[in-house]
Amino acid sequence: MKGFKKLIALTLALASLSSVAVGCSQSGTSSTASASKAPAASTGKASSGEIYYLNFKPEIADVYQKISDAYKQETGVTLKVETAAAGTYEQTLKSAMAKADAPVLFQINGPKGYINWKDYCADLKDTELYKHLTDKTMAVTDGDGVYGIPYVVEGYGIIYNNAIMQKYFALSGAKAKSMDEINNFAKLKEVAEDMTAKKGQLGIKGVFSSTSLKHGEDWRWQTHLANLPVYYEFKDNKIDLKSDATKEVKFQYADNFKNIFDLYLKNSVTVPKMLGSKSVDDSMAEFALGQSAMVQNGNWAWSQISGVDGNVVKESDIKFLPIYTGMKDEEKQSICIGTENFFAINKKAPADQQKLAADFINWLYTSDKGKAFVTNDLKFIAPFDTFKDNEKPTDPLAKEVIRYMSDTKLTNVPWNFTVFPSQTFKDNFGAALLQYAQGTKQWNDVTKQFVEQWKSESGK
């Protein structure tokens, strides 16, 4: 897709650490699993040893138990996996690194994460896995060194049920006849408002699923949605994402955020004053049950949709639409594609353990058995050249991300939320959005808070 290297990869390689739980499911608890490891492709089989891996993603903790068992059986190497509870990765990592038996394999969330952990990050430029990275500008680098290797690419936008949309297009007086016509905010707004007026005919409770604003469930708005105006502000002002210029924002496109946020609120399954009790699971269930036609989320949401008891949405009807906000030339805008997940190896660990860790991640992404786990169990879109077309994810939203990535007529929106100053900033912004939705806070006060707290949190 146009701008993938310039806009996505550069942002990922230069952006800063975001807090946990913005690009994936928020559920999960701390857990451990025993696993095994395989050597790098060029080294032959290992027969013993142990790797300690601190996993970032709670939703895949069970999968790592399966990987552990398979890897132990194949190589004789034990992979001990500890999974941090949602929202606690940095805290858990700090505690774990202070112990004598510290993790050898861990995660950084971008270049700012590297700055926080640079004393522990080994140079990975000579590892086998790095050689297979399809776009090496995605890696976290410092000078000639490579200190973080991205292991998954994800995307988010407005997920829609094409069956409901086709039903709408067939109605007399419909404001569009196909999804191809909905390529900017003005048309999206016109269609959404008309669908609300015709929701009885469409058999839906609202066009959009509930805008979940319960504390801890608001990351789709205080992080993912806020990414768009921040991206455009940095882009239009030519902000160097490595520089201190990211420590302040004008929120100059606050009205664009408000455009789409208001559209969600006013054309929803749930009235705005009730949104403080709604979770992401509630929102996804509404979509899965056919109560709504659209919901903002990422490709990880397919498992949530398909797992709902009574799901009526067919795989063939699950599609992505970019999040339009009324920006100039947004007809050329794509969905938001990026990552906040980078493998790092603890350079303070014994050399033999570092090698075992490098061998394991190489096995996971280059061996037939490892790749099967990545695609079928972890359900990752992997950024490595070792994956053939028939080894890539087949779930509908992953296929949509791949489709958008390959569309050269559109420009991906990178994950600039990795430069957001802190989780506290995001939580406070989410709380302000709830107050706005409930009518107890004016939009001008929301924007003022955004600007002031961004600056104050960036200075800490």
Protein backbone atom coordinates (compact mmCIF):
# COMPACT_ATOMS: atom_id res chain seq x y z
CA MET A 1 0.00 0.00 0.00
CA LYS A 2 1.24 3.48 -0.80
CA GLY A 3 3.25 4.92 2.05
CA PHE A 4 3.63 1.62 3.88
CA LYS A 5 7.37 2.06 4.25
CA LYS A 6 7.30 5.82 4.60
CA LEU A 7 4.29 6.19 6.85
CA ILE A 8 3.88 2.87 8.63
CA ALA A 9 7.31 1.45 8.96
CA LEU A 10 8.94 4.77 9.73
CA THR A 11 6.41 5.52 12.41
CA LEU A 12 6.81 2.11 13.95
CA ALA A 13 10.55 2.34 13.86
CA LEU A 14 10.64 5.85 15.30
CA ALA A 15 7.53 6.04 17.45
CA SER A 16 7.51 5.74 21.19
CA LEU A 17 6.21 3.29 23.73
CA SER A 18 2.50 3.04 24.20
CA SER A 19 0.91 1.60 27.29
CA VAL A 20 -0.31 -1.95 27.21
CA ALA A 21 -3.72 -3.02 25.94
CA VAL A 22 -4.47 -0.86 22.97
CA GLY A 23 -4.04 -3.12 20.04
CA CYS A 24 -5.46 -6.35 21.32
CA SER A 25 -7.96 -7.97 23.64
CA GLN A 26 -7.98 -6.58 27.17
CA SER A 27 -8.73 -9.76 29.04
CA GLY A 28 -6.25 -12.07 30.69
CA THR A 29 -4.37 -12.75 33.89
CA SER A 30 -0.81 -13.47 34.85
CA SER A 31 0.11 -17.07 34.10
CA THR A 32 3.09 -19.29 33.47
CA ALA A 33 3.74 -22.21 31.17
CA SER A 34 6.59 -24.57 30.49
CA ALA A 35 7.84 -24.64 26.92
CA SER A 36 10.67 -25.82 24.79
CA LYS A 37 13.02 -24.22 22.26
CA ALA A 38 14.52 -24.87 18.88
CA PRO A 39 17.83 -23.77 17.45
CA ALA A 40 18.41 -21.25 14.69
CA ALA A 41 18.09 -22.60 11.18
CA SER A 42 21.84 -22.81 10.68
CA THR A 43 22.91 -24.28 13.99
CA GLY A 44 21.41 -27.75 14.23
CA LYS A 45 19.29 -29.06 17.09
CA ALA A 46 19.79 -28.12 20.70
CA SER A 47 19.25 -30.84 23.27
CA SER A 48 18.89 -28.98 26.56
CA GLY A 49 18.55 -25.57 28.15
CA GLU A 50 15.82 -23.21 29.30
CA ILE A 51 14.50 -19.88 28.07
CA TYR A 52 12.44 -17.52 30.22
CA TYR A 53 9.99 -15.47 28.13
CA LEU A 54 7.80 -12.68 29.49
CA ASN A 55 4.76 -12.57 27.19
CA PHE A 56 2.86 -9.34 26.53
CA LYS A 57 -0.42 -10.73 25.20
CA PRO A 58 -2.77 -12.33 27.79
CA GLU A 59 -5.14 -13.56 25.12
CA ILE A 60 -2.53 -15.98 23.74
CA ALA A 61 -1.20 -17.37 27.01
CA ASP A 62 -2.90 -20.74 26.43
CA VAL A 63 -1.41 -20.98 22.95
CA TYR A 64 2.08 -20.65 24.38
CA GLN A 65 1.44 -23.71 26.52
CA LYS A 66 0.84 -25.68 23.31
CA ILE A 67 3.93 -24.15 21.70
CA SER A 68 5.91 -25.00 24.82
CA ASP A 69 4.90 -28.64 24.70
CA ALA A 70 5.64 -28.98 20.99
CA TYR A 71 8.97 -27.21 21.23
CA LYS A 72 10.09 -29.25 24.22
CA GLN A 73 9.25 -32.46 22.43
CA GLU A 74 11.09 -31.40 19.26
CA THR A 75 14.23 -29.83 20.72
CA GLY A 76 14.56 -30.77 24.36
CA VAL A 77 14.77 -27.10 25.30
CA THR A 78 12.39 -25.69 27.91
CA LEU A 79 10.63 -22.40 27.33
CA LYS A 80 9.23 -21.00 30.53
CA VAL A 81 6.55 -18.48 29.61
CA GLU A 82 5.15 -15.98 32.08
CA THR A 83 2.28 -13.80 30.90
CA ALA A 84 1.69 -10.39 32.43
CA ALA A 85 -1.88 -9.48 33.28
CA ALA A 86 -3.52 -6.94 30.97
CA GLY A 87 -2.24 -3.42 31.58
CA THR A 88 0.65 -4.53 33.81
CA TYR A 89 3.44 -5.46 31.39
CA GLU A 90 5.87 -2.65 32.22
CA GLN A 91 5.35 -3.14 35.94
CA THR A 92 5.78 -6.91 35.62
CA LEU A 93 8.87 -6.52 33.46
CA LYS A 94 10.52 -4.15 35.94
CA SER A 95 9.90 -6.61 38.74
CA ALA A 96 11.11 -9.58 36.71
CA MET A 97 14.29 -7.86 35.50
CA ALA A 98 15.26 -7.10 39.10
CA LYS A 99 15.44 -10.82 39.90
CA ALA A 100 18.47 -13.05 39.51
CA ASP A 101 16.47 -15.26 37.14
CA ALA A 102 15.37 -12.47 34.76
CA PRO A 103 13.58 -12.97 31.43
CA VAL A 104 15.84 -13.68 28.47
CA LEU A 105 13.15 -13.01 25.86
CA PHE A 106 10.82 -10.05 26.39
CA GLN A 107 8.96 -7.31 24.53
CA ILE A 108 9.45 -3.61 23.93
CA ASN A 109 6.64 -1.54 22.47
CA GLY A 110 8.72 0.64 20.19
CA PRO A 111 11.74 2.95 20.25
CA LYS A 112 10.67 4.63 23.47
CA GLY A 113 10.43 1.21 25.01
CA TYR A 114 13.96 0.66 23.75
CA ILE A 115 15.07 3.86 25.47
CA ASN A 116 13.59 2.55 28.72
CA TRP A 117 15.26 -0.87 28.32
CA LYS A 118 18.33 -0.15 26.19
CA ASP A 119 20.65 -1.43 28.93
CA TYR A 120 19.01 -4.84 28.52
CA CYS A 121 18.47 -5.01 24.74
CA ALA A 122 20.92 -7.13 22.75
CA ASP A 123 21.76 -6.26 19.14
CA LEU A 124 19.69 -8.59 16.94
CA LYS A 125 20.99 -7.58 13.51
CA ASP A 126 22.86 -10.88 13.06
CA THR A 127 19.96 -13.11 14.10
CA GLU A 128 18.35 -15.42 11.58
CA LEU A 129 14.87 -13.98 12.23
CA TYR A 130 15.92 -10.42 11.43
CA LYS A 131 17.21 -11.58 8.04
CA HIS A 132 13.67 -12.69 7.18
CA LEU A 133 11.94 -9.42 8.17
CA THR A 134 10.21 -8.24 4.99
CA ASP A 135 10.50 -4.53 5.79
CA LYS A 136 13.56 -3.90 7.93
CA THR A 137 12.59 -0.28 8.52
CA MET A 138 9.92 -1.65 10.85
CA ALA A 139 12.58 -2.80 13.34
CA VAL A 140 13.61 -0.76 16.36
CA THR A 141 17.11 0.48 15.57
CA ASP A 142 19.81 2.61 17.14
CA GLY A 143 22.74 3.47 14.88
CA ASP A 144 23.77 0.26 13.16
CA GLY A 145 22.15 -1.92 15.81
CA VAL A 146 18.77 -3.69 15.76
CA TYR A 147 17.17 -3.98 19.19
CA GLY A 148 13.56 -4.91 18.51
CA ILE A 149 12.09 -7.19 15.84
CA PRO A 150 8.35 -6.77 15.10
CA TYR A 151 6.57 -10.11 15.29
CA VAL A 152 3.03 -9.24 14.24
CA VAL A 153 1.27 -6.62 12.14
CA GLU A 154 -2.28 -5.59 13.01
CA GLY A 155 -4.90 -3.26 11.62
CA TYR A 156 -8.05 -1.50 12.80
CA GLY A 157 -10.86 0.51 11.32
CA ILE A 158 -14.64 0.36 11.11
CA ILE A 159 -15.77 -3.25 10.80
CA TYR A 160 -19.04 -3.59 8.90
CA ASN A 161 -21.55 -6.34 8.18
CA ASN A 162 -21.87 -6.36 4.41
CA ALA A 163 -25.18 -8.25 4.51
CA ILE A 164 -26.81 -5.37 6.39
CA MET A 165 -25.19 -2.82 4.12
CA GLN A 166 -26.44 -4.58 1.00
CA LYS A 167 -29.93 -4.67 2.51
CA TYR A 168 -29.70 -0.91 3.03
CA PHE A 169 -28.43 -0.21 -0.50
CA ALA A 170 -31.49 -2.02 -1.88
CA LEU A 171 -33.91 0.27 -0.03
CA SER A 172 -35.74 3.02 -1.85
CA GLY A 173 -34.04 6.37 -1.26
CA ALA A 174 -30.76 4.91 0.05
CA LYS A 175 -28.00 7.53 0.12
CA ALA A 176 -25.54 5.16 -1.57
CA LYS A 177 -25.73 2.09 -3.75
CA SER A 178 -22.44 0.43 -2.75
CA MET A 179 -19.62 0.61 -0.21
CA ASP A 180 -17.38 2.07 -2.93
CA GLU A 181 -19.32 5.32 -2.59
CA ILE A 182 -18.53 5.57 1.14
CA ASN A 183 -15.00 6.90 0.95
CA ASN A 184 -15.16 10.04 3.09
CA PHE A 185 -16.81 11.29 6.27
CA ALA A 186 -19.54 13.30 4.57
CA LYS A 187 -20.88 10.24 2.77
CA LEU A 188 -20.46 8.00 5.83
CA LYS A 189 -22.46 10.48 7.91
CA GLU A 190 -25.20 10.75 5.28
CA VAL A 191 -25.52 6.97 5.04
CA ALA A 192 -25.34 6.35 8.80
CA GLU A 193 -28.03 8.90 9.60
CA ASP A 194 -30.28 7.52 6.87
CA MET A 195 -29.74 3.98 8.17
CA THR A 196 -30.75 5.17 11.64
CA ALA A 197 -33.98 6.54 10.19
CA LYS A 198 -34.55 3.18 8.48
CA LYS A 199 -33.30 0.90 11.27
CA GLY A 200 -36.72 -0.71 11.63
CA GLN A 201 -36.62 -1.79 7.99
CA LEU A 202 -33.06 -3.03 8.44
CA GLY A 203 -33.82 -4.98 11.60
CA ILE A 204 -31.07 -3.33 13.65
CA LYS A 205 -31.05 -1.46 16.96
CA GLY A 206 -28.45 1.03 15.80
CA VAL A 207 -25.94 1.60 13.02
CA PHE A 208 -22.95 1.45 15.37
CA SER A 209 -22.33 -0.84 18.31
CA SER A 210 -22.08 0.77 21.74
CA THR A 211 -19.20 3.20 22.23
CA SER A 212 -17.79 1.40 25.28
CA LEU A 213 -16.77 4.11 27.76
CA LYS A 214 -16.54 2.05 30.92
CA HIS A 215 -13.17 2.62 32.61
CA GLY A 216 -10.65 0.19 31.14
CA GLU A 217 -12.92 -0.48 28.16
CA ASP A 218 -12.44 2.87 26.42
CA TRP A 219 -9.13 2.20 24.62
CA ARG A 220 -10.84 2.19 21.21
CA TRP A 221 -11.49 5.92 21.63
CA GLN A 222 -8.83 7.36 23.96
CA THR A 223 -6.10 5.57 22.01
CA HIS A 224 -7.16 4.10 18.65
CA LEU A 225 -9.54 6.84 17.53
CA ALA A 226 -7.31 9.59 18.93
CA ASN A 227 -4.51 8.20 16.78
CA LEU A 228 -6.02 9.72 13.64
CA PRO A 229 -5.98 13.42 14.54
CA VAL A 230 -2.54 13.02 16.11
CA TYR A 231 -1.23 11.29 12.98
CA TYR A 232 -2.53 14.06 10.72
CA GLU A 233 -1.18 16.78 13.03
CA PHE A 234 2.31 15.29 13.08
CA LYS A 235 2.20 14.62 9.35
CA ASP A 236 1.02 18.09 8.35
CA ASN A 237 3.50 19.81 10.68
CA LYS A 238 6.37 17.53 9.62
CA ILE A 239 7.06 16.46 13.20
CA ASP A 240 10.13 14.28 13.65
CA LEU A 241 8.91 11.42 15.80
CA LYS A 242 12.38 11.01 17.30
CA SER A 243 12.37 14.58 18.57
CA ASP A 244 11.04 16.35 21.62
CA ALA A 245 8.50 18.02 19.33
CA THR A 246 6.16 15.12 20.15
CA LYS A 247 6.00 16.28 23.78
CA GLU A 248 3.41 18.90 22.87
CA VAL A 249 0.35 18.85 20.62
CA LYS A 250 -2.16 21.43 19.48
CA PHE A 251 -4.96 18.87 18.95
CA GLN A 252 -5.60 20.94 15.85
CA TYR A 253 -7.88 18.28 14.40
CA ALA A 254 -10.01 17.91 17.52
CA ASP A 255 -13.12 18.75 15.49
CA ASN A 256 -12.37 15.85 13.18
CA PHE A 257 -12.25 13.52 16.16
CA LYS A 258 -15.53 15.00 17.31
CA ASN A 259 -17.07 14.40 13.88
CA ILE A 260 -16.77 10.64 14.00
CA PHE A 261 -17.19 10.33 17.77
CA ASP A 262 -20.51 12.20 17.59
CA LEU A 263 -21.57 10.01 14.69
CA TYR A 264 -20.89 6.92 16.80
CA LEU A 265 -22.80 8.36 19.77
CA LYS A 266 -25.87 9.57 17.89
CA ASN A 267 -26.38 6.48 15.73
CA SER A 268 -25.69 3.81 18.31
CA VAL A 269 -27.43 0.78 19.78
CA THR A 270 -27.13 2.47 23.18
CA VAL A 271 -28.06 6.01 24.23
CA PRO A 272 -25.01 8.11 25.20
CA LYS A 273 -25.87 8.47 28.89
CA MET A 274 -25.69 4.67 29.32
CA LEU A 275 -22.29 4.18 27.70
CA GLY A 276 -20.37 4.35 30.98
CA SER A 277 -21.49 0.80 31.72
CA LYS A 278 -20.66 -0.69 28.32
CA SER A 279 -17.65 -2.93 27.65
CA VAL A 280 -15.89 -3.92 24.45
CA ASP A 281 -17.43 -7.39 24.80
CA ASP A 282 -20.90 -5.80 24.88
CA SER A 283 -20.11 -3.86 21.74
CA MET A 284 -18.78 -6.87 19.86
CA ALA A 285 -21.72 -9.02 20.93
CA GLU A 286 -24.16 -6.44 19.53
CA PHE A 287 -22.40 -6.65 16.20
CA ALA A 288 -22.21 -10.44 16.25
CA LEU A 289 -25.94 -10.71 16.97
CA GLY A 290 -26.85 -8.44 14.07
CA GLN A 291 -28.05 -5.59 16.30
CA SER A 292 -25.64 -3.16 14.65
CA ALA A 293 -24.13 -2.77 11.19
CA MET A 294 -20.75 -1.33 12.16
CA VAL A 295 -18.24 -1.34 15.01
CA GLN A 296 -14.78 0.20 15.35
CA ASN A 297 -12.15 -2.40 16.24
CA GLY A 298 -9.17 -4.33 14.89
CA ASN A 299 -8.52 -7.62 13.14
CA TRP A 300 -8.17 -9.34 16.53
CA ALA A 301 -11.94 -8.86 16.91
CA TRP A 302 -12.83 -11.77 14.64
CA SER A 303 -12.35 -14.24 17.49
CA GLN A 304 -14.69 -12.13 19.62
CA ILE A 305 -17.34 -12.00 16.90
CA SER A 306 -17.17 -15.67 15.95
CA GLY A 307 -17.11 -16.73 19.60
CA VAL A 308 -20.42 -15.05 20.52
CA ASP A 309 -23.17 -17.58 21.18
CA GLY A 310 -25.81 -16.97 18.52
CA ASN A 311 -23.47 -15.12 16.12
CA VAL A 312 -25.32 -14.40 12.85
CA VAL A 313 -22.55 -12.66 10.90
CA LYS A 314 -21.04 -14.76 8.14
CA GLU A 315 -17.29 -14.70 7.51
CA SER A 316 -17.90 -13.56 3.95
CA ASP A 317 -19.77 -10.48 5.22
CA ILE A 318 -17.04 -9.21 7.58
CA LYS A 319 -15.26 -6.20 6.02
CA PHE A 320 -13.17 -3.15 7.00
CA LEU A 321 -13.86 0.51 6.25
CA PRO A 322 -11.29 3.25 7.03
CA ILE A 323 -12.16 5.59 9.92
CA TYR A 324 -13.14 8.78 8.13
CA THR A 325 -13.15 12.03 10.10
CA GLY A 326 -13.49 14.74 7.46
CA MET A 327 -9.83 15.27 6.59
CA LYS A 328 -8.78 16.69 3.22
CA ASP A 329 -8.26 14.02 0.54
CA GLU A 330 -9.32 11.25 2.92
CA GLU A 331 -10.62 9.29 -0.06
CA LYS A 332 -7.01 8.08 -0.29
CA GLN A 333 -6.86 7.07 3.37
CA SER A 334 -6.65 3.44 4.39
CA ILE A 335 -7.20 1.68 7.71
CA CYS A 336 -4.73 2.03 10.59
CA ILE A 337 -1.95 -0.57 10.29
CA GLY A 338 1.03 -1.09 12.57
CA THR A 339 2.39 -2.87 15.60
CA GLU A 340 3.47 -2.30 19.16
CA ASN A 341 4.98 -5.74 19.57
CA PHE A 342 8.76 -6.20 19.23
CA PHE A 343 10.89 -9.10 20.41
CA ALA A 344 13.92 -8.13 22.50
CA ILE A 345 16.62 -10.34 24.04
CA ASN A 346 18.20 -9.59 27.40
CA LYS A 347 21.87 -8.90 26.78
CA LYS A 348 22.62 -9.36 30.49
CA ALA A 349 21.57 -13.00 30.29
CA PRO A 350 24.26 -15.66 29.73
CA ALA A 351 25.33 -15.91 26.09
CA ASP A 352 24.04 -19.46 25.73
CA GLN A 353 20.57 -18.38 26.90
CA GLN A 354 20.57 -15.46 24.49
CA LYS A 355 21.33 -17.87 21.68
CA LEU A 356 18.54 -20.20 22.81
CA ALA A 357 16.11 -17.28 22.70
CA ALA A 358 17.22 -16.25 19.21
CA ASP A 359 16.92 -19.85 18.07
CA PHE A 360 13.42 -20.16 19.49
CA ILE A 361 11.95 -17.11 17.77
CA ASN A 362 13.61 -18.21 14.53
CA TRP A 363 12.00 -21.66 14.88
CA LEU A 364 8.61 -20.09 15.61
CA TYR A 365 8.61 -18.02 12.42
CA THR A 366 10.58 -20.21 9.99
CA SER A 367 9.84 -23.88 10.75
CA ASP A 368 6.70 -25.53 9.38
CA LYS A 369 5.46 -26.41 12.85
CA GLY A 370 6.22 -22.97 14.26
CA LYS A 371 4.57 -21.15 11.38
CA ALA A 372 1.48 -23.29 11.81
CA PHE A 373 1.22 -22.10 15.40
CA VAL A 374 1.72 -18.47 14.32
CA THR A 375 -1.01 -18.59 11.68
CA ASN A 376 -3.56 -21.01 13.10
CA ASP A 377 -3.25 -20.56 16.86
CA LEU A 378 -1.67 -17.17 17.52
CA LYS A 379 -3.53 -15.90 14.40
CA PHE A 380 -0.78 -13.38 13.66
CA ILE A 381 -0.17 -11.54 10.42
CA ALA A 382 3.58 -12.17 10.43
CA PRO A 383 5.97 -9.64 8.77
CA PHE A 384 8.46 -12.26 7.54
CA ASP A 385 9.27 -13.63 4.09
CA THR A 386 9.09 -17.23 5.31
CA PHE A 387 5.29 -17.30 5.06
CA LYS A 388 3.80 -18.43 1.76
CA ASP A 389 0.32 -17.32 0.70
CA ASN A 390 -1.22 -20.55 1.97
CA GLU A 391 0.45 -20.02 5.35
CA LYS A 392 -1.10 -16.63 6.04
CA PRO A 393 -4.16 -16.10 8.26
CA THR A 394 -7.48 -16.93 6.66
CA ASP A 395 -9.86 -15.23 9.07
CA PRO A 396 -11.85 -12.47 7.35
CA LEU A 397 -10.39 -9.47 9.17
CA ALA A 398 -6.79 -10.58 8.76
CA LYS A 399 -7.49 -11.01 5.06
CA GLU A 400 -8.89 -7.49 5.00
CA VAL A 401 -5.72 -6.09 6.60
CA ILE A 402 -3.60 -7.89 4.00
CA ARG A 403 -5.89 -6.55 1.25
CA TYR A 404 -5.54 -2.96 2.44
CA MET A 405 -1.78 -3.33 2.85
CA SER A 406 -1.49 -4.34 -0.79
CA ASP A 407 -3.70 -1.54 -2.15
CA THR A 408 -1.24 0.91 -3.71
CA LYS A 409 -3.93 3.55 -4.23
CA LEU A 410 -4.40 4.10 -0.50
CA THR A 411 -2.15 5.30 2.32
CA ASN A 412 -2.05 3.42 5.61
CA VAL A 413 -2.49 5.39 8.82
CA PRO A 414 0.41 4.39 11.10
CA TRP A 415 0.10 3.76 14.80
CA ASN A 416 1.19 7.14 16.14
CA PHE A 417 -0.53 6.37 19.44
CA THR A 418 2.81 4.87 20.40
CA VAL A 419 3.93 8.44 21.16
CA PHE A 420 1.06 9.14 23.55
CA PRO A 421 2.68 10.31 26.79
CA SER A 422 1.27 7.88 29.35
CA GLN A 423 -1.56 5.57 30.35
CA THR A 424 -2.67 8.23 32.81
CA PHE A 425 -3.13 10.67 29.94
CA LYS A 426 -5.22 8.14 28.02
CA ASP A 427 -7.32 7.18 31.03
CA ASN A 428 -8.08 10.82 31.79
CA PHE A 429 -8.97 11.48 28.16
CA GLY A 430 -11.31 8.49 28.21
CA ALA A 431 -12.98 9.80 31.35
CA ALA A 432 -13.42 13.20 29.68
CA LEU A 433 -15.00 11.54 26.65
CA LEU A 434 -17.50 9.81 28.92
CA GLN A 435 -18.38 13.12 30.57
CA TYR A 436 -18.83 14.67 27.14
CA ALA A 437 -21.05 11.79 26.01
CA GLN A 438 -23.18 12.17 29.15
CA GLY A 439 -23.50 15.92 28.66
CA THR A 440 -21.52 16.99 31.72
CA LYS A 441 -18.42 18.33 29.94
CA GLN A 442 -18.14 20.73 27.01
CA TRP A 443 -16.06 19.74 23.98
CA ASN A 444 -13.81 22.79 24.37
CA ASP A 445 -12.92 21.58 27.86
CA VAL A 446 -12.14 18.11 26.51
CA THR A 447 -9.75 19.54 23.93
CA LYS A 448 -8.13 21.85 26.48
CA GLN A 449 -7.54 18.90 28.81
CA PHE A 450 -6.07 16.86 25.95
CA VAL A 451 -3.48 19.54 25.15
CA GLU A 452 -2.59 20.41 28.75
CA GLN A 453 -2.30 16.84 30.04
CA TRP A 454 -0.32 15.71 27.01
CA LYS A 455 2.28 18.34 27.86
CA SER A 456 2.29 17.68 31.60
CA GLU A 457 2.50 13.89 31.23
CA SER A 458 5.23 14.18 28.58
CA GLY A 459 7.38 16.08 31.06
CA LYS A 460 7.38 13.30 33.63
